[in-house]
PDB file of N, CA and C in Angstrom:
ATOM      1  N   MET A   1       0.858  -1.181   0.000  1.00  0.00           N
ATOM      2  CA  MET A   1       0.000   0.000   0.000  1.00  0.00           C
ATOM      3  C   MET A   1       0.903   1.244   0.000  1.00  0.00           C
ATOM      4  N   THR A   2       0.500   2.226  -0.742  1.00  0.00           N
ATOM      5  CA  THR A   2       1.297   3.435  -0.813  1.00  0.00           C
ATOM      6  C   THR A   2       1.137   4.254   0.466  1.00  0.00           C
ATOM      7  N   LYS A   3       2.014   5.206   0.626  1.00  0.00           N
ATOM      8  CA  LYS A   3       1.949   6.059   1.819  1.00  0.00           C
ATOM      9  C   LYS A   3       0.669   6.889   1.824  1.00  0.00           C
ATOM     10  N   ILE A   4       0.251   7.369   0.664  1.00  0.00           N
ATOM     11  CA  ILE A   4      -0.962   8.191   0.595  1.00  0.00           C
ATOM     12  C   ILE A   4      -2.178   7.351   0.954  1.00  0.00           C
ATOM     13  N   GLY A   5      -2.228   6.119   0.455  1.00  0.00           N
ATOM     14  CA  GLY A   5      -3.338   5.230   0.790  1.00  0.00           C
ATOM     15  C   GLY A   5      -3.391   4.948   2.276  1.00  0.00           C
ATOM     16  N   TYR A   6      -2.228   4.746   2.882  1.00  0.00           N
ATOM     17  CA  TYR A   6      -2.173   4.511   4.321  1.00  0.00           C
ATOM     18  C   TYR A   6      -2.649   5.730   5.095  1.00  0.00           C
ATOM     19  N   ILE A   7      -2.270   6.911   4.635  1.00  0.00           N
ATOM     20  CA  ILE A   7      -2.699   8.154   5.309  1.00  0.00           C
ATOM     21  C   ILE A   7      -4.209   8.298   5.225  1.00  0.00           C
ATOM     22  N   PHE A   8      -4.796   8.051   4.042  1.00  0.00           N
ATOM     23  CA  PHE A   8      -6.255   8.155   3.906  1.00  0.00           C
ATOM     24  C   PHE A   8      -6.974   7.122   4.764  1.00  0.00           C
ATOM     25  N   LYS A   9      -6.417   5.916   4.817  1.00  0.00           N
ATOM     26  CA  LYS A   9      -7.015   4.872   5.637  1.00  0.00           C
ATOM     27  C   LYS A   9      -7.033   5.276   7.105  1.00  0.00           C
ATOM     28  N   GLU A  10      -5.923   5.779   7.599  1.00  0.00           N
ATOM     29  CA  GLU A  10      -5.841   6.222   8.995  1.00  0.00           C
ATOM     30  C   GLU A  10      -6.745   7.427   9.255  1.00  0.00           C
ATOM     31  N   LEU A  11      -6.844   8.316   8.281  1.00  0.00           N
ATOM     32  CA  LEU A  11      -7.685   9.505   8.438  1.00  0.00           C
ATOM     33  C   LEU A  11      -9.155   9.124   8.556  1.00  0.00           C
ATOM     34  N   PHE A  12      -9.620   8.230   7.685  1.00  0.00           N
ATOM     35  CA  PHE A  12     -11.020   7.820   7.756  1.00  0.00           C
ATOM     36  C   PHE A  12     -11.298   7.003   9.009  1.00  0.00           C
ATOM     37  N   PHE A  13     -10.305   6.231   9.472  1.00  0.00           N
ATOM     38  CA  PHE A  13     -10.478   5.500  10.725  1.00  0.00           C
ATOM     39  C   PHE A  13     -10.620   6.472  11.892  1.00  0.00           C
ATOM     40  N   MET A  14      -9.817   7.541  11.884  1.00  0.00           N
ATOM     41  CA  MET A  14      -9.901   8.548  12.948  1.00  0.00           C
ATOM     42  C   MET A  14     -11.248   9.263  12.926  1.00  0.00           C
ATOM     43  N   ILE A  15     -11.745   9.562  11.730  1.00  0.00           N
ATOM     44  CA  ILE A  15     -13.037  10.250  11.620  1.00  0.00           C
ATOM     45  C   ILE A  15     -14.154   9.354  12.159  1.00  0.00           C
ATOM     46  N   ARG A  16     -14.126   8.062  11.822  1.00  0.00           N
ATOM     47  CA  ARG A  16     -15.157   7.144  12.322  1.00  0.00           C
ATOM     48  C   ARG A  16     -15.046   6.928  13.819  1.00  0.00           C
ATOM     49  N   LYS A  17     -13.833   6.753  14.308  1.00  0.00           N
ATOM     50  CA  LYS A  17     -13.640   6.420  15.719  1.00  0.00           C
ATOM     51  C   LYS A  17     -14.041   7.575  16.630  1.00  0.00           C
ATOM     52  N   HIS A  18     -13.649   8.783  16.277  1.00  0.00           N
ATOM     53  CA  HIS A  18     -13.903   9.937  17.144  1.00  0.00           C
ATOM     54  C   HIS A  18     -15.184  10.689  16.779  1.00  0.00           C
ATOM     55  N   ARG A  19     -15.897  10.197  15.773  1.00  0.00           N
ATOM     56  CA  ARG A  19     -17.175  10.761  15.338  1.00  0.00           C
ATOM     57  C   ARG A  19     -17.080  12.263  15.021  1.00  0.00           C
ATOM     58  N   VAL A  20     -16.096  12.618  14.268  1.00  0.00           N
ATOM     59  CA  VAL A  20     -15.933  14.000  13.823  1.00  0.00           C
ATOM     60  C   VAL A  20     -16.284  14.063  12.339  1.00  0.00           C
ATOM     61  N   TYR A  21     -17.533  13.744  12.047  1.00  0.00           N
ATOM     62  CA  TYR A  21     -17.978  13.658  10.657  1.00  0.00           C
ATOM     63  C   TYR A  21     -17.976  15.007   9.947  1.00  0.00           C
ATOM     64  N   PHE A  22     -17.980  16.096  10.709  1.00  0.00           N
ATOM     65  CA  PHE A  22     -17.960  17.413  10.069  1.00  0.00           C
ATOM     66  C   PHE A  22     -16.618  17.668   9.391  1.00  0.00           C
ATOM     67  N   LEU A  23     -15.577  16.932   9.742  1.00  0.00           N
ATOM     68  CA  LEU A  23     -14.273  17.110   9.110  1.00  0.00           C
ATOM     69  C   LEU A  23     -14.204  16.490   7.717  1.00  0.00           C
ATOM     70  N   ALA A  24     -15.029  15.505   7.451  1.00  0.00           N
ATOM     71  CA  ALA A  24     -14.952  14.792   6.174  1.00  0.00           C
ATOM     72  C   ALA A  24     -15.137  15.721   4.965  1.00  0.00           C
ATOM     73  N   PRO A  25     -16.198  16.556   4.912  1.00  0.00           N
ATOM     74  CA  PRO A  25     -16.324  17.436   3.736  1.00  0.00           C
ATOM     75  C   PRO A  25     -15.188  18.446   3.625  1.00  0.00           C
ATOM     76  N   ILE A  26     -14.692  18.935   4.751  1.00  0.00           N
ATOM     77  CA  ILE A  26     -13.591  19.897   4.723  1.00  0.00           C
ATOM     78  C   ILE A  26     -12.341  19.235   4.145  1.00  0.00           C
ATOM     79  N   LEU A  27     -12.057  18.034   4.590  1.00  0.00           N
ATOM     80  CA  LEU A  27     -10.872  17.332   4.099  1.00  0.00           C
ATOM     81  C   LEU A  27     -11.002  16.940   2.631  1.00  0.00           C
ATOM     82  N   ILE A  28     -12.201  16.589   2.207  1.00  0.00           N
ATOM     83  CA  ILE A  28     -12.416  16.251   0.798  1.00  0.00           C
ATOM     84  C   ILE A  28     -12.188  17.468  -0.082  1.00  0.00           C
ATOM     85  N   ILE A  29     -12.705  18.624   0.340  1.00  0.00           N
ATOM     86  CA  ILE A  29     -12.518  19.855  -0.447  1.00  0.00           C
ATOM     87  C   ILE A  29     -11.041  20.242  -0.493  1.00  0.00           C
ATOM     88  N   LEU A  30     -10.344  20.116   0.633  1.00  0.00           N
ATOM     89  CA  LEU A  30      -8.914  20.433   0.647  1.00  0.00           C
ATOM     90  C   LEU A  30      -8.124  19.484  -0.249  1.00  0.00           C
ATOM     91  N   ALA A  31      -8.500  18.214  -0.257  1.00  0.00           N
ATOM     92  CA  ALA A  31      -7.813  17.253  -1.125  1.00  0.00           C
ATOM     93  C   ALA A  31      -8.057  17.578  -2.595  1.00  0.00           C
ATOM     94  N   LEU A  32      -9.291  17.922  -2.944  1.00  0.00           N
ATOM     95  CA  LEU A  32      -9.588  18.285  -4.334  1.00  0.00           C
ATOM     96  C   LEU A  32      -8.839  19.552  -4.746  1.00  0.00           C
ATOM     97  N   LEU A  33      -8.741  20.513  -3.836  1.00  0.00           N
ATOM     98  CA  LEU A  33      -8.001  21.733  -4.128  1.00  0.00           C
ATOM     99  C   LEU A  33      -6.521  21.430  -4.329  1.00  0.00           C
ATOM    100  N   ALA A  34      -5.965  20.547  -3.509  1.00  0.00           N
ATOM    101  CA  ALA A  34      -4.558  20.175  -3.649  1.00  0.00           C
ATOM    102  C   ALA A  34      -4.312  19.477  -4.987  1.00  0.00           C
ATOM    103  N   ILE A  35      -5.219  18.597  -5.389  1.00  0.00           N
ATOM    104  CA  ILE A  35      -5.084  17.921  -6.681  1.00  0.00           C
ATOM    105  C   ILE A  35      -5.174  18.926  -7.822  1.00  0.00           C
ATOM    106  N   LEU A  36      -6.092  19.872  -7.692  1.00  0.00           N
ATOM    107  CA  LEU A  36      -6.241  20.897  -8.723  1.00  0.00           C
ATOM    108  C   LEU A  36      -4.978  21.743  -8.848  1.00  0.00           C
ATOM    109  N   VAL A  37      -4.413  22.155  -7.728  1.00  0.00           N
ATOM    110  CA  VAL A  37      -3.178  22.951  -7.765  1.00  0.00           C
ATOM    111  C   VAL A  37      -2.043  22.129  -8.356  1.00  0.00           C
ATOM    112  N   TYR A  38      -1.981  20.854  -8.031  1.00  0.00           N
ATOM    113  CA  TYR A  38      -0.921  20.007  -8.570  1.00  0.00           C
ATOM    114  C   TYR A  38      -1.048  19.856 -10.086  1.00  0.00           C
ATOM    115  N   CYS A  39      -2.287  19.703 -10.579  1.00  0.00           N
ATOM    116  CA  CYS A  39      -2.498  19.502 -12.019  1.00  0.00           C
ATOM    117  C   CYS A  39      -2.309  20.793 -12.807  1.00  0.00           C
ATOM    118  N   ILE A  40      -2.861  21.880 -12.324  1.00  0.00           N
ATOM    119  CA  ILE A  40      -2.793  23.140 -13.059  1.00  0.00           C
ATOM    120  C   ILE A  40      -1.435  23.811 -12.876  1.00  0.00           C
ATOM    121  N   GLY A  41      -0.926  23.758 -11.685  1.00  0.00           N
ATOM    122  CA  GLY A  41       0.339  24.410 -11.382  1.00  0.00           C
ATOM    123  C   GLY A  41       0.100  25.599 -10.469  1.00  0.00           C
ATOM    124  N   PRO A  42       1.095  25.972  -9.724  1.00  0.00           N
ATOM    125  CA  PRO A  42       0.923  27.049  -8.749  1.00  0.00           C
ATOM    126  C   PRO A  42       0.756  28.432  -9.379  1.00  0.00           C
ATOM    127  N   ALA A  43       1.084  28.594 -10.640  1.00  0.00           N
ATOM    128  CA  ALA A  43       1.001  29.920 -11.270  1.00  0.00           C
ATOM    129  C   ALA A  43      -0.442  30.425 -11.308  1.00  0.00           C
ATOM    130  N   ALA A  44      -1.397  29.543 -11.502  1.00  0.00           N
ATOM    131  CA  ALA A  44      -2.804  29.965 -11.550  1.00  0.00           C
ATOM    132  C   ALA A  44      -3.268  30.448 -10.175  1.00  0.00           C
ATOM    133  N   ILE A  45      -2.841  29.801  -9.118  1.00  0.00           N
ATOM    134  CA  ILE A  45      -3.243  30.201  -7.777  1.00  0.00           C
ATOM    135  C   ILE A  45      -2.551  31.488  -7.362  1.00  0.00           C
ATOM    136  N   VAL A  46      -1.285  31.661  -7.718  1.00  0.00           N
ATOM    137  CA  VAL A  46      -0.550  32.866  -7.366  1.00  0.00           C
ATOM    138  C   VAL A  46      -1.191  34.095  -7.998  1.00  0.00           C
ATOM    139  N   SER A  47      -1.720  33.962  -9.181  1.00  0.00           N
ATOM    140  CA  SER A  47      -2.357  35.111  -9.829  1.00  0.00           C
ATOM    141  C   SER A  47      -3.590  35.570  -9.035  1.00  0.00           C
ATOM    142  N   PHE A  48      -4.322  34.642  -8.433  1.00  0.00           N
ATOM    143  CA  PHE A  48      -5.458  35.034  -7.594  1.00  0.00           C
ATOM    144  C   PHE A  48      -4.992  35.717  -6.314  1.00  0.00           C
ATOM    145  N   ILE A  49      -3.878  35.292  -5.763  1.00  0.00           N
ATOM    146  CA  ILE A  49      -3.366  35.903  -4.544  1.00  0.00           C
ATOM    147  C   ILE A  49      -2.935  37.340  -4.821  1.00  0.00           C
ATOM    148  N   TYR A  50      -2.231  37.568  -5.923  1.00  0.00           N
ATOM    149  CA  TYR A  50      -1.788  38.912  -6.250  1.00  0.00           C
ATOM    150  C   TYR A  50      -2.939  39.821  -6.634  1.00  0.00           C
ATOM    151  N   ALA A  51      -4.013  39.262  -7.180  1.00  0.00           N
ATOM    152  CA  ALA A  51      -5.173  40.073  -7.557  1.00  0.00           C
ATOM    153  C   ALA A  51      -5.985  40.473  -6.332  1.00  0.00           C
ATOM    154  N   GLY A  52      -5.788  39.796  -5.225  1.00  0.00           N
ATOM    155  CA  GLY A  52      -6.512  40.145  -4.005  1.00  0.00           C
ATOM    156  C   GLY A  52      -7.887  39.535  -3.930  1.00  0.00           C
ATOM    157  N   ILE A  53      -8.121  38.472  -4.673  1.00  0.00           N
ATOM    158  CA  ILE A  53      -9.440  37.835  -4.656  1.00  0.00           C
ATOM    159  C   ILE A  53      -9.479  36.819  -3.548  1.00  0.00           C
TER     160      ILE A  53
END
């Protein structure tokens, strides 16, 4: 199993065990944003930061 798979497995186990289900949508959105930044590249995000949006 890859390191990322192990991290996701442990994360979902922690969410189930401690019943912090409100974290699941936040973590999913952050993961999708990270994938988007990785695919597009940081230049697209930096332009939004400099524009002040």
